Amino acid sequence: TRAMAMRRVLLGFVVLLSLAVAPEGKRGGTKRGPTPGPPNTVNTLAAEQQCKLTDGQTGAIYDLSPLHRINYVDKKFFVIHGASGGPFDHVDTVYDYHFTLCGARPPTPLNCMGSPDIFRAPAYQIARKKQDNPDVEEPGTLRNCAAIGSGERGDWTYRLIDKDDPSAGVQIDYTGGQECHKRTVVKTKTETGRDKRVVKWIPTPRTTTIRMTCNPGGPEPSREKKDRDGNVGRLVGETQTVHASEDDMCHYTLTWESPYGCPINKKIRSVSDRRASDPVFTSDSSGFHVRTRGKQGFLSKLLKLLTFVFFCVLGLVGVQMFRHRKWMKIILPQMTDKSRLQQKLARKKFVKLITTLDTKTAKRMAPNGGTRALV
């Protein structure tokens, strides 16, 4: 019984140590990303056309004019192709996102022409059937298009992605898109006065967040791939520089890495350091999860492993010393004895006791009451 109890204590100790040395980004599995800064607005048409954004709290300046020129002058979109796997996405559907910066509104995409209640907007979601070969479009492919933001000056704002770190990048928030029905749980009262929850589908304007994350080594707009319509496009899954998801019902988050997401007047952290706190989207049978990446290099993993092993051994030694506490009263003083022979015998006995896990053997090794020396 005592041996079983000791095994349980050791097992509990190992579990606690594994939680203590686990990577911070993996503990719990639901740690959110950085907190955005307060919103800023553009008050003049000239500032809107220039697309040079200044954060009012930190003074960080983001010069998005080279990107905005593609939207405002060339009348082209940035496009994220083939997004899927979000918590509200259909299994057999993939999504393409067309978006611009600073409220620019190029001509409506051809795939959106004819959609009911469509209007000229800075961002669109185009849903299409998932295909085995994405490069070859099947004839008669149906597409569903929705405007997911308005380009009116009062309907968009910008802010820091991380209020404590301007080098993380800048995000643009669009509101006032086409309405979608959002599932909302409303608390009501029954006739008897009891609380009752009712699910209602409330018409809600779509909203979009465009996160321009900082990557000083990212491609220039002139070197980006163009689709058949001349838009600058990236395919989800080809690189880690793009991500798109409907992370909340009727709200869309689009992430695009670019050197223009870096402030021109602030110190820039390395990409690897910033990615350690980036949100990672995963899904399993229990649902959709968001956690931070956690920076885990080889040396960091090795250090954590060695720390784990050290504390496990330390815990085992402590438990064994407690089990053989009668012997410890004899051995520990003799390990500092003046006689080297006595020290050697004491150390040998100590190692033997620490490595003895069997209870019966330990009882046979128990010292007599009058024993005071090993020789």
Protein backbone atom coordinates (compact mmCIF):
# COMPACT_ATOMS: atom_id res chain seq x y z
CA THR A 1 0.00 0.00 0.00
CA ARG A 2 2.82 2.37 0.87
CA ALA A 3 4.60 1.59 -2.39
CA MET A 4 1.42 2.33 -4.36
CA ALA A 5 0.99 5.62 -2.50
CA MET A 6 4.56 6.60 -3.28
CA ARG A 7 4.03 5.84 -6.97
CA ARG A 8 0.97 8.09 -7.00
CA VAL A 9 2.94 10.89 -5.36
CA LEU A 10 5.70 10.53 -7.96
CA LEU A 11 3.17 10.51 -10.81
CA GLY A 12 1.51 13.67 -9.52
CA PHE A 13 4.89 15.33 -9.14
CA VAL A 14 5.82 14.48 -12.74
CA VAL A 15 2.51 15.90 -14.03
CA LEU A 16 3.04 19.17 -12.14
CA LEU A 17 6.58 19.48 -13.47
CA SER A 18 5.45 18.84 -17.05
CA LEU A 19 2.91 21.66 -16.73
CA ALA A 20 5.56 23.94 -15.24
CA VAL A 21 8.03 23.50 -18.08
CA ALA A 22 5.47 23.35 -20.92
CA PRO A 23 5.75 26.14 -23.54
CA GLU A 24 3.68 29.13 -22.53
CA GLY A 25 1.91 29.25 -25.89
CA LYS A 26 0.72 25.63 -25.50
CA ARG A 27 -0.56 25.68 -21.93
CA GLY A 28 -4.35 25.77 -21.95
CA GLY A 29 -4.43 25.90 -25.75
CA THR A 30 -6.66 28.98 -25.90
CA LYS A 31 -4.40 31.91 -25.17
CA ARG A 32 -5.39 34.87 -27.35
CA GLY A 33 -3.16 37.10 -29.37
CA PRO A 34 -2.07 40.66 -28.60
CA THR A 35 -4.54 43.39 -27.63
CA PRO A 36 -5.17 45.97 -30.42
CA GLY A 37 -4.67 49.65 -29.73
CA PRO A 38 -7.41 52.32 -29.68
CA PRO A 39 -9.00 53.19 -33.06
CA ASN A 40 -7.88 56.15 -35.19
CA THR A 41 -9.86 57.89 -37.92
CA VAL A 42 -8.93 59.70 -41.13
CA ASN A 43 -10.56 63.13 -41.21
CA THR A 44 -9.66 64.48 -44.65
CA LEU A 45 -9.94 63.23 -48.22
CA ALA A 46 -6.26 64.04 -48.86
CA ALA A 47 -5.12 61.89 -45.93
CA GLU A 48 -7.41 59.09 -47.08
CA GLN A 49 -5.99 59.18 -50.61
CA GLN A 50 -2.42 59.28 -49.31
CA CYS A 51 -2.94 56.29 -46.95
CA LYS A 52 -0.16 57.31 -44.59
CA LEU A 53 -1.46 56.29 -41.17
CA THR A 54 -0.27 57.78 -37.87
CA ASP A 55 -1.21 56.18 -34.55
CA GLY A 56 -2.42 58.84 -32.13
CA GLN A 57 -1.16 57.07 -29.00
CA THR A 58 2.37 55.99 -29.96
CA GLY A 59 3.08 58.27 -32.91
CA ALA A 60 3.99 55.27 -35.10
CA ILE A 61 3.70 56.04 -38.84
CA TYR A 62 2.77 53.45 -41.46
CA ASP A 63 3.31 54.49 -45.06
CA LEU A 64 0.90 52.29 -47.03
CA SER A 65 0.87 54.59 -50.06
CA PRO A 66 2.72 52.12 -52.40
CA LEU A 67 0.09 49.48 -51.65
CA HIS A 68 -2.78 51.95 -51.74
CA ARG A 69 -1.65 53.10 -55.18
CA ILE A 70 -2.44 49.63 -56.50
CA ASN A 71 -5.98 50.02 -55.15
CA TYR A 72 -6.66 53.71 -55.77
CA VAL A 73 -4.74 54.39 -59.01
CA ASP A 74 -4.48 50.98 -60.70
CA LYS A 75 -7.98 49.99 -59.53
CA LYS A 76 -6.86 46.51 -58.42
CA PHE A 77 -7.51 44.40 -55.33
CA PHE A 78 -5.34 42.32 -53.04
CA VAL A 79 -6.73 38.78 -53.12
CA ILE A 80 -6.44 35.86 -50.69
CA HIS A 81 -7.32 32.66 -52.58
CA GLY A 82 -8.56 29.36 -51.18
CA ALA A 83 -9.26 30.12 -47.50
CA SER A 84 -11.12 27.40 -45.57
CA GLY A 85 -11.35 25.67 -42.21
CA GLY A 86 -12.81 28.53 -40.16
CA PRO A 87 -15.39 27.90 -37.42
CA PHE A 88 -18.28 29.07 -39.63
CA ASP A 89 -17.01 27.80 -43.00
CA HIS A 90 -18.81 25.06 -44.93
CA VAL A 91 -16.82 21.86 -45.36
CA ASP A 92 -17.19 21.68 -49.17
CA THR A 93 -16.59 25.41 -49.74
CA VAL A 94 -13.51 27.60 -50.12
CA TYR A 95 -13.44 31.38 -49.91
CA ASP A 96 -11.62 34.09 -51.84
CA TYR A 97 -11.25 37.51 -50.25
CA HIS A 98 -10.79 40.70 -52.29
CA PHE A 99 -9.74 43.73 -50.24
CA THR A 100 -8.17 47.18 -50.46
CA LEU A 101 -6.60 49.63 -48.00
CA CYS A 102 -7.83 52.97 -46.68
CA GLY A 103 -11.33 52.63 -48.12
CA ALA A 104 -10.36 52.44 -51.81
CA ARG A 105 -13.15 51.00 -53.98
CA PRO A 106 -12.06 49.60 -57.34
CA PRO A 107 -14.70 48.28 -59.76
CA THR A 108 -16.73 45.40 -58.34
CA PRO A 109 -15.12 41.99 -59.15
CA LEU A 110 -16.66 40.16 -62.10
CA ASN A 111 -17.60 37.20 -59.89
CA CYS A 112 -19.74 39.56 -57.80
CA MET A 113 -21.65 41.10 -60.68
CA GLY A 114 -25.28 40.11 -60.53
CA SER A 115 -25.26 39.22 -56.82
CA PRO A 116 -28.34 40.60 -55.04
CA ASP A 117 -27.90 43.91 -53.18
CA ILE A 118 -24.18 44.04 -54.02
CA PHE A 119 -22.51 47.46 -53.90
CA ARG A 120 -19.09 48.91 -54.56
CA ALA A 121 -16.98 48.12 -51.49
CA PRO A 122 -13.37 47.84 -50.27
CA ALA A 123 -13.72 44.15 -49.35
CA TYR A 124 -15.61 41.14 -50.69
CA GLN A 125 -15.96 37.49 -49.79
CA ILE A 126 -16.54 35.11 -52.71
CA ALA A 127 -17.60 31.57 -51.79
CA ARG A 128 -17.12 28.74 -54.28
CA LYS A 129 -17.25 24.97 -54.31
CA LYS A 130 -14.05 23.19 -53.27
CA GLN A 131 -12.36 21.45 -56.21
CA ASP A 132 -9.79 18.65 -56.41
CA ASN A 133 -7.67 20.73 -58.79
CA PRO A 134 -7.87 24.44 -57.84
CA ASP A 135 -5.99 25.48 -61.01
CA VAL A 136 -8.73 24.15 -63.30
CA GLU A 137 -12.18 25.62 -62.77
CA GLU A 138 -15.08 23.26 -63.39
CA PRO A 139 -17.74 24.56 -65.80
CA GLY A 140 -20.85 25.95 -64.16
CA THR A 141 -19.13 26.66 -60.83
CA LEU A 142 -21.52 28.64 -58.64
CA ARG A 143 -20.17 31.57 -56.67
CA ASN A 144 -21.74 33.55 -53.87
CA CYS A 145 -20.42 37.07 -53.28
CA ALA A 146 -20.95 39.47 -50.37
CA ALA A 147 -19.60 42.94 -49.61
CA ILE A 148 -17.99 42.62 -46.16
CA GLY A 149 -17.27 46.29 -45.48
CA SER A 150 -18.03 49.83 -46.55
CA GLY A 151 -15.49 52.33 -47.85
CA GLU A 152 -17.30 55.40 -46.57
CA ARG A 153 -15.00 57.54 -44.45
CA GLY A 154 -17.04 57.05 -41.30
CA ASP A 155 -17.16 53.28 -41.75
CA TRP A 156 -13.45 52.48 -41.43
CA THR A 157 -10.79 53.07 -38.81
CA TYR A 158 -7.22 51.88 -38.19
CA ARG A 159 -5.26 50.88 -35.09
CA LEU A 160 -2.15 49.04 -33.93
CA ILE A 161 -2.32 45.24 -34.04
CA ASP A 162 -0.57 45.24 -30.65
CA LYS A 163 -1.02 48.33 -28.51
CA ASP A 164 2.33 47.64 -26.79
CA ASP A 165 4.35 46.91 -29.94
CA PRO A 166 4.04 49.14 -33.04
CA SER A 167 6.38 46.79 -34.95
CA ALA A 168 3.65 44.11 -34.96
CA GLY A 169 1.87 46.06 -37.70
CA VAL A 170 -1.32 48.01 -38.34
CA GLN A 171 -4.87 46.87 -38.90
CA ILE A 172 -7.74 48.49 -40.80
CA ASP A 173 -11.31 47.84 -39.63
CA TYR A 174 -14.21 48.08 -42.08
CA THR A 175 -17.84 48.18 -40.95
CA GLY A 176 -21.15 48.60 -42.77
CA GLY A 177 -21.00 45.56 -45.06
CA GLN A 178 -23.98 43.61 -46.37
CA GLU A 179 -26.18 42.13 -43.70
CA CYS A 180 -25.91 38.52 -42.61
CA HIS A 181 -27.94 36.70 -39.98
CA LYS A 182 -25.95 36.31 -36.77
CA ARG A 183 -26.86 33.62 -34.27
CA THR A 184 -27.55 35.30 -30.93
CA VAL A 185 -28.70 33.75 -27.66
CA VAL A 186 -31.22 36.01 -25.89
CA LYS A 187 -32.31 35.55 -22.28
CA THR A 188 -36.06 35.83 -21.69
CA LYS A 189 -38.57 34.90 -19.00
CA THR A 190 -41.17 32.16 -19.18
CA GLU A 191 -44.76 32.59 -17.98
CA THR A 192 -43.73 31.11 -14.63
CA GLY A 193 -40.84 33.57 -14.27
CA ARG A 194 -38.02 31.17 -15.02
CA ASP A 195 -35.03 32.16 -17.13
CA LYS A 196 -35.17 30.92 -20.70
CA ARG A 197 -32.62 31.13 -23.49
CA VAL A 198 -33.89 31.67 -27.01
CA VAL A 199 -31.77 31.51 -30.17
CA LYS A 200 -32.47 34.35 -32.59
CA TRP A 201 -30.95 35.12 -35.97
CA ILE A 202 -30.44 38.88 -35.97
CA PRO A 203 -29.61 40.79 -39.21
CA THR A 204 -26.10 42.21 -38.66
CA PRO A 205 -23.88 44.25 -41.04
CA ARG A 206 -20.71 42.37 -41.96
CA THR A 207 -17.39 43.74 -40.67
CA THR A 208 -13.78 43.06 -41.66
CA THR A 209 -10.36 43.47 -40.03
CA ILE A 210 -7.34 43.65 -42.34
CA ARG A 211 -4.09 43.02 -40.45
CA MET A 212 -1.01 44.28 -42.30
CA THR A 213 1.70 42.53 -40.29
CA CYS A 214 5.30 43.72 -40.36
CA ASN A 215 7.84 41.67 -42.32
CA PRO A 216 10.85 43.74 -43.48
CA GLY A 217 11.90 40.94 -45.81
CA GLY A 218 8.51 40.58 -47.49
CA PRO A 219 8.03 40.95 -51.27
CA GLU A 220 7.55 44.32 -52.95
CA PRO A 221 4.17 44.90 -54.66
CA SER A 222 5.82 44.90 -58.10
CA ARG A 223 7.17 41.38 -57.46
CA GLU A 224 3.90 39.93 -56.19
CA LYS A 225 2.00 37.37 -58.28
CA LYS A 226 -0.93 38.67 -60.32
CA ASP A 227 -4.10 36.74 -61.06
CA ARG A 228 -5.85 36.73 -64.44
CA ASP A 229 -7.66 39.97 -63.55
CA GLY A 230 -4.41 41.73 -62.64
CA ASN A 231 -5.03 41.69 -58.87
CA VAL A 232 -2.20 40.96 -56.43
CA GLY A 233 -3.00 37.51 -55.07
CA ARG A 234 -1.65 34.99 -52.58
CA LEU A 235 -2.78 31.40 -52.11
CA VAL A 236 -3.52 30.10 -48.62
CA GLY A 237 -1.18 27.23 -47.74
CA GLU A 238 1.66 28.20 -50.07
CA THR A 239 3.35 30.32 -47.38
CA GLN A 240 2.71 31.52 -43.85
CA THR A 241 2.34 35.13 -45.05
CA VAL A 242 -1.41 35.10 -45.47
CA HIS A 243 -4.45 33.95 -43.50
CA ALA A 244 -8.18 34.55 -43.74
CA SER A 245 -11.04 33.37 -41.58
CA GLU A 246 -14.54 34.23 -40.39
CA ASP A 247 -13.40 34.03 -36.77
CA ASP A 248 -16.68 35.42 -35.47
CA MET A 249 -20.05 35.18 -37.15
CA CYS A 250 -20.37 38.03 -39.70
CA HIS A 251 -16.82 39.24 -38.92
CA TYR A 252 -13.78 38.42 -41.07
CA THR A 253 -10.08 38.73 -40.24
CA LEU A 254 -7.58 38.90 -43.11
CA THR A 255 -3.83 38.80 -42.44
CA TRP A 256 -1.24 39.91 -45.02
CA GLU A 257 2.51 40.15 -44.35
CA SER A 258 4.30 43.07 -45.96
CA PRO A 259 7.29 45.39 -45.35
CA TYR A 260 4.74 48.22 -45.43
CA GLY A 261 3.20 46.86 -42.25
CA CYS A 262 6.33 48.08 -40.41
CA PRO A 263 6.41 51.58 -38.86
CA ILE A 264 8.87 53.92 -40.57
CA ASN A 265 9.80 55.75 -37.36
CA LYS A 266 9.95 52.97 -34.73
CA LYS A 267 12.30 50.12 -33.83
CA ILE A 268 11.27 46.83 -35.42
CA ARG A 269 11.37 43.50 -33.58
CA SER A 270 12.50 40.42 -35.45
CA VAL A 271 9.85 38.42 -37.30
CA SER A 272 10.59 35.27 -35.25
CA ASP A 273 10.04 37.15 -31.97
CA ARG A 274 6.72 38.56 -33.15
CA ARG A 275 5.51 35.25 -34.54
CA ALA A 276 5.97 33.70 -31.10
CA SER A 277 2.84 35.61 -30.02
CA ASP A 278 0.90 35.24 -33.27
CA PRO A 279 -2.43 33.44 -33.02
CA VAL A 280 -2.55 29.92 -34.48
CA PHE A 281 -5.91 28.58 -35.66
CA THR A 282 -6.60 24.86 -35.18
CA SER A 283 -9.71 22.69 -35.15
CA ASP A 284 -10.57 19.23 -33.89
CA SER A 285 -13.59 17.22 -32.83
CA SER A 286 -14.21 19.58 -29.90
CA GLY A 287 -14.37 22.69 -32.09
CA PHE A 288 -12.27 25.66 -33.18
CA HIS A 289 -9.30 26.86 -31.10
CA VAL A 290 -6.93 29.81 -31.08
CA ARG A 291 -3.57 29.72 -29.30
CA THR A 292 -0.26 31.49 -29.58
CA ARG A 293 2.62 29.89 -31.44
CA GLY A 294 5.20 30.01 -28.65
CA LYS A 295 8.84 30.45 -29.68
CA GLN A 296 10.45 27.01 -29.47
CA GLY A 297 13.96 26.73 -30.89
CA PHE A 298 16.17 23.63 -30.54
CA LEU A 299 18.18 25.05 -27.63
CA SER A 300 15.01 26.15 -25.86
CA LYS A 301 13.48 22.69 -26.19
CA LEU A 302 16.70 21.04 -25.01
CA LEU A 303 16.90 23.35 -21.99
CA LYS A 304 13.31 22.60 -21.03
CA LEU A 305 13.93 18.86 -21.38
CA LEU A 306 17.02 19.00 -19.19
CA THR A 307 15.15 21.09 -16.62
CA PHE A 308 12.33 18.56 -16.59
CA VAL A 309 14.73 15.64 -16.10
CA PHE A 310 16.61 17.51 -13.35
CA PHE A 311 13.48 18.20 -11.32
CA CYS A 312 12.21 14.64 -11.81
CA VAL A 313 15.49 13.25 -10.44
CA LEU A 314 15.47 15.80 -7.63
CA GLY A 315 11.93 14.81 -6.70
CA LEU A 316 12.80 11.11 -6.74
CA VAL A 317 15.82 11.71 -4.50
CA GLY A 318 13.70 13.69 -2.06
CA VAL A 319 11.04 10.98 -1.86
CA GLN A 320 13.66 8.23 -1.36
CA MET A 321 15.44 10.21 1.34
CA PHE A 322 12.15 10.51 3.19
CA ARG A 323 11.49 6.78 2.87
CA HIS A 324 14.98 5.95 4.23
CA ARG A 325 15.07 8.77 6.75
CA LYS A 326 16.45 6.46 9.48
CA TRP A 327 19.45 5.69 7.31
CA MET A 328 19.81 9.33 6.33
CA LYS A 329 20.40 10.29 9.96
CA ILE A 330 23.43 7.99 9.87
CA ILE A 331 24.72 8.45 6.31
CA LEU A 332 24.53 12.22 5.87
CA PRO A 333 26.84 13.05 8.81
CA GLN A 334 29.27 10.34 7.71
CA MET A 335 29.45 11.78 4.17
CA THR A 336 31.33 14.72 5.74
CA ASP A 337 33.46 12.54 8.02
CA LYS A 338 37.24 13.12 8.13
CA SER A 339 37.88 9.54 7.07
CA ARG A 340 37.85 9.20 3.27
CA LEU A 341 36.97 5.54 3.56
CA GLN A 342 33.95 6.42 5.68
CA GLN A 343 32.89 9.06 3.11
CA LYS A 344 33.22 6.57 0.25
CA LEU A 345 31.15 3.93 2.04
CA ALA A 346 28.51 6.53 2.98
CA ARG A 347 28.18 7.74 -0.64
CA LYS A 348 27.94 4.15 -1.89
CA LYS A 349 25.22 3.37 0.66
CA PHE A 350 23.38 6.60 -0.23
CA VAL A 351 23.26 5.69 -3.95
CA LYS A 352 22.08 2.17 -3.14
CA LEU A 353 19.26 3.47 -0.96
CA ILE A 354 18.15 6.08 -3.53
CA THR A 355 17.95 3.44 -6.27
CA THR A 356 16.05 0.93 -4.10
CA LEU A 357 12.35 1.28 -4.93
CA ASP A 358 11.15 -2.10 -3.66
CA THR A 359 9.50 -1.83 -0.23
CA LYS A 360 10.48 -5.33 0.97
CA THR A 361 14.13 -4.80 0.11
CA ALA A 362 14.07 -1.42 1.84
CA LYS A 363 12.72 -2.99 5.04
CA ARG A 364 15.50 -5.60 5.06
CA MET A 365 18.03 -2.75 4.71
CA ALA A 366 16.62 -0.83 7.69
CA PRO A 367 19.37 -0.02 10.26
CA ASN A 368 19.48 -1.28 13.83
CA GLY A 369 18.78 1.26 16.53
CA GLY A 370 22.34 1.25 17.82
CA THR A 371 24.12 1.48 14.47
CA ARG A 372 26.23 4.61 14.22
CA ALA A 373 28.91 3.72 11.67
CA LEU A 374 29.22 1.76 8.45
CA VAL A 375 32.63 0.29 9.37
